């Protein structure tokens, strides 16, 4: 698989209208852009249109790119802003400050109470997860993951998608979504706890069959 060149070379080639480089960037980044756009809008078709609008905006705005962030982060920020606008028109986007993230991430009843010989310990340990060789990457598990991500509150879904699916660092996610580092940590923790809980349910059901 051909690697992308460093940003300074990449930007120069794109500004020069290098079709091969542009096709390479499209191939590398469009899948991730589509997954993120889908978190904002109501349909796959709408997400695809957001990605198309993003690439048009990138082409038109390349001369204004100042290199204050990586090119990829800049492209993702354009995507995020474009998707937010469309999501608002579709009444899909929830303001980032309007969702309550208080409360425990794991049901407290699953832990031993104060006064127990082992307070705070699990009543029953969660089931062990299989190794990849035992089927962790089966299609059924991938479907469970997709379903779990789809059930998350919007901003938790955005954070876990960027961090764990797209591989962005915490600072980049904060910049893309305009949230604080502390908020990002809470959102990611809750999203991961929810997804893990859904997978735990799945593996428990599988073990009991």
Protein backbone atom coordinates (compact mmCIF):
# COMPACT_ATOMS: atom_id res chain seq x y z
CA UNK A 1 0.00 0.00 0.00
CA UNK A 2 1.47 3.33 -1.04
CA UNK A 3 2.15 5.67 1.88
CA UNK A 4 1.18 9.31 1.93
CA UNK A 5 4.10 11.75 1.81
CA UNK A 6 4.76 14.27 4.62
CA UNK A 7 2.27 17.12 4.88
CA UNK A 8 4.47 19.75 3.22
CA UNK A 9 4.95 17.53 0.17
CA UNK A 10 1.33 16.42 0.20
CA UNK A 11 -0.04 19.95 0.31
CA UNK A 12 2.30 21.11 -2.43
CA UNK A 13 1.24 18.28 -4.73
CA UNK A 14 -2.44 18.88 -4.05
CA UNK A 15 -2.07 22.59 -4.72
CA UNK A 16 -0.36 21.72 -8.01
CA UNK A 17 -3.39 19.65 -9.01
CA UNK A 18 -1.66 16.25 -8.81
CA UNK A 19 -4.54 13.88 -9.59
CA UNK A 20 -2.65 10.79 -8.44
CA UNK A 21 -1.96 12.31 -5.01
CA UNK A 22 -5.55 13.47 -4.67
CA UNK A 23 -6.82 9.99 -5.53
CA UNK A 24 -4.47 8.52 -2.93
CA UNK A 25 -5.77 10.90 -0.24
CA UNK A 26 -9.35 10.11 -1.18
CA UNK A 27 -8.64 6.41 -0.86
CA UNK A 28 -6.97 6.77 2.55
CA UNK A 29 -9.33 9.18 4.26
CA UNK A 30 -12.80 8.91 2.73
CA UNK A 31 -13.79 5.82 4.71
CA UNK A 32 -13.03 7.50 8.02
CA UNK A 33 -14.74 10.69 6.95
CA UNK A 34 -17.84 8.75 5.98
CA UNK A 35 -17.97 6.96 9.36
CA UNK A 36 -17.66 10.24 11.22
CA UNK A 37 -20.23 12.02 9.05
CA UNK A 38 -22.70 9.20 9.69
CA UNK A 39 -22.56 10.08 13.40
CA UNK A 40 -24.09 13.47 12.62
CA UNK A 41 -26.66 12.76 9.93
CA UNK A 42 -29.64 10.50 9.47
CA UNK A 43 -28.75 8.36 6.44
CA UNK A 44 -25.78 6.84 4.63
CA UNK A 45 -26.68 8.88 1.54
CA UNK A 46 -26.61 12.09 3.55
CA UNK A 47 -23.23 11.14 5.02
CA UNK A 48 -21.86 10.50 1.52
CA UNK A 49 -23.04 13.95 0.44
CA UNK A 50 -21.28 15.48 3.45
CA UNK A 51 -18.05 13.78 2.42
CA UNK A 52 -18.43 15.05 -1.14
CA UNK A 53 -19.05 18.59 0.13
CA UNK A 54 -16.00 18.27 2.36
CA UNK A 55 -13.69 17.34 -0.50
CA UNK A 56 -15.00 20.24 -2.58
CA UNK A 57 -14.33 22.57 0.34
CA UNK A 58 -10.83 21.11 0.75
CA UNK A 59 -9.98 21.69 -2.90
CA UNK A 60 -11.33 25.23 -2.79
CA UNK A 61 -9.60 26.02 0.51
CA UNK A 62 -6.17 24.44 0.06
CA UNK A 63 -4.53 27.81 -0.59
CA UNK A 64 -5.78 28.97 2.83
CA UNK A 65 -4.35 25.98 4.71
CA UNK A 66 -1.73 27.41 7.08
CA UNK A 67 -0.33 24.22 8.57
CA UNK A 68 -1.35 25.02 12.16
CA UNK A 69 -2.61 21.43 12.41
CA UNK A 70 -1.97 18.36 10.30
CA UNK A 71 -3.65 18.33 6.92
CA UNK A 72 -5.76 15.36 8.00
CA UNK A 73 -6.99 17.17 11.10
CA UNK A 74 -7.84 20.20 8.96
CA UNK A 75 -9.84 18.02 6.56
CA UNK A 76 -11.65 16.31 9.42
CA UNK A 77 -12.50 19.68 10.94
CA UNK A 78 -14.09 20.76 7.65
CA UNK A 79 -16.02 17.48 7.63
CA UNK A 80 -17.19 17.97 11.21
CA UNK A 81 -18.43 21.51 10.55
CA UNK A 82 -20.16 20.46 7.33
CA UNK A 83 -21.80 17.45 9.01
CA UNK A 84 -22.94 19.54 11.98
CA UNK A 85 -24.72 22.00 9.69
CA UNK A 86 -26.47 19.21 7.82
CA UNK A 87 -27.28 17.41 11.06
CA UNK A 88 -28.93 20.54 12.43
CA UNK A 89 -31.06 20.76 9.30
CA UNK A 90 -32.03 17.13 9.84
CA UNK A 91 -32.62 17.74 13.56
CA UNK A 92 -30.07 15.05 14.37
CA UNK A 93 -27.36 17.03 16.19
CA UNK A 94 -27.65 17.50 19.95
CA UNK A 95 -25.75 20.49 21.42
CA UNK A 96 -22.58 19.29 23.12
CA UNK A 97 -23.52 21.00 26.38
CA UNK A 98 -27.05 19.58 26.61
CA UNK A 99 -26.34 15.95 27.46
CA UNK A 100 -26.03 14.83 31.07
CA UNK A 101 -23.00 12.63 31.61
CA UNK A 102 -23.41 12.28 35.37
CA UNK A 103 -23.92 8.94 37.02
CA UNK A 104 -21.90 5.72 37.17
CA UNK A 105 -20.61 3.98 34.06
CA UNK A 106 -21.20 0.52 35.56
CA UNK A 107 -24.28 -0.50 37.57
CA UNK A 108 -23.25 -0.15 41.27
CA UNK A 109 -25.27 -3.25 42.14
CA UNK A 110 -22.61 -5.35 40.39
CA UNK A 111 -20.13 -4.52 43.16
CA UNK A 112 -20.01 -5.60 46.81
CA UNK A 113 -21.27 -2.87 49.19
CA UNK A 114 -19.60 -1.22 52.15
CA UNK A 115 -19.54 -3.60 55.11
CA UNK A 116 -18.87 -6.61 52.89
CA UNK A 117 -15.54 -8.40 53.53
CA UNK A 118 -14.49 -7.27 50.03
CA UNK A 119 -16.22 -3.91 49.44
CA UNK A 120 -16.05 -2.59 45.92
CA UNK A 121 -15.19 -5.99 44.41
CA UNK A 122 -17.32 -7.61 41.73
CA UNK A 123 -20.11 -9.92 42.93
CA UNK A 124 -19.45 -12.00 39.83
CA UNK A 125 -16.51 -11.42 37.52
CA UNK A 126 -17.42 -10.49 33.93
CA UNK A 127 -16.86 -13.34 31.49
CA UNK A 128 -13.46 -13.60 29.85
CA UNK A 129 -13.31 -12.27 26.32
CA UNK A 130 -12.07 -14.62 23.61
CA UNK A 131 -8.74 -14.02 21.95
CA UNK A 132 -8.76 -13.05 18.25
CA UNK A 133 -7.95 -16.65 17.41
CA UNK A 134 -11.08 -17.73 19.28
CA UNK A 135 -13.31 -15.53 17.21
CA UNK A 136 -13.00 -11.98 18.52
CA UNK A 137 -13.02 -10.67 14.97
CA UNK A 138 -15.95 -12.72 13.75
CA UNK A 139 -18.60 -10.99 11.69
CA UNK A 140 -21.07 -11.40 14.57
CA UNK A 141 -18.79 -9.44 16.89
CA UNK A 142 -18.25 -6.72 14.33
CA UNK A 143 -22.02 -6.41 13.98
CA UNK A 144 -22.35 -6.15 17.76
CA UNK A 145 -19.78 -3.37 17.80
CA UNK A 146 -21.56 -1.44 15.06
CA UNK A 147 -24.87 -1.81 16.90
CA UNK A 148 -23.36 -0.67 20.20
CA UNK A 149 -21.78 2.39 18.58
CA UNK A 150 -25.10 3.26 17.00
CA UNK A 151 -26.83 3.19 20.40
CA UNK A 152 -24.44 5.64 22.04
CA UNK A 153 -25.40 9.27 22.69
CA UNK A 154 -24.12 11.39 19.85
CA UNK A 155 -21.12 13.01 21.48
CA UNK A 156 -19.94 9.75 23.06
CA UNK A 157 -20.21 8.11 19.64
CA UNK A 158 -18.20 10.90 18.06
CA UNK A 159 -15.41 10.70 20.62
CA UNK A 160 -15.04 6.92 20.55
CA UNK A 161 -15.21 6.91 16.74
CA UNK A 162 -12.42 9.45 16.49
CA UNK A 163 -10.27 7.92 19.24
CA UNK A 164 -10.73 4.16 18.82
CA UNK A 165 -11.82 3.78 15.20
CA UNK A 166 -9.91 6.58 13.49
CA UNK A 167 -6.96 6.61 15.89
CA UNK A 168 -6.90 10.31 16.74
CA UNK A 169 -5.17 11.54 19.88
CA UNK A 170 -7.04 13.28 22.68
CA UNK A 171 -5.78 16.77 21.78
CA UNK A 172 -6.89 16.39 18.17
CA UNK A 173 -10.35 15.19 19.25
CA UNK A 174 -10.72 18.14 21.61
CA UNK A 175 -9.83 20.50 18.78
CA UNK A 176 -12.16 18.84 16.28
CA UNK A 177 -15.17 18.78 18.62
CA UNK A 178 -14.35 21.94 20.58
CA UNK A 179 -14.50 20.22 23.97
CA UNK A 180 -12.22 20.25 27.00
CA UNK A 181 -9.71 17.50 27.75
CA UNK A 182 -11.65 16.53 30.88
CA UNK A 183 -14.91 16.29 28.92
CA UNK A 184 -13.22 14.19 26.25
CA UNK A 185 -11.93 11.75 28.87
CA UNK A 186 -15.36 11.36 30.46
CA UNK A 187 -17.09 10.86 27.12
CA UNK A 188 -14.53 8.29 25.98
CA UNK A 189 -14.68 6.40 29.28
CA UNK A 190 -18.47 6.20 29.20
CA UNK A 191 -18.53 5.17 25.56
CA UNK A 192 -15.98 2.43 26.11
CA UNK A 193 -17.82 1.20 29.20
CA UNK A 194 -21.09 1.00 27.26
CA UNK A 195 -19.54 -0.83 24.32
CA UNK A 196 -17.74 -3.25 26.62
CA UNK A 197 -21.00 -3.89 28.45
CA UNK A 198 -22.75 -4.74 25.20
CA UNK A 199 -19.96 -7.12 24.21
CA UNK A 200 -20.07 -8.68 27.67
CA UNK A 201 -23.78 -9.38 27.21
CA UNK A 202 -23.05 -10.98 23.85
CA UNK A 203 -20.27 -13.22 25.18
CA UNK A 204 -22.36 -14.21 28.19
CA UNK A 205 -25.15 -15.29 25.86
CA UNK A 206 -22.67 -17.18 23.69
CA UNK A 207 -21.19 -18.94 26.73
CA UNK A 208 -24.63 -20.06 27.91
CA UNK A 209 -25.62 -21.59 24.59
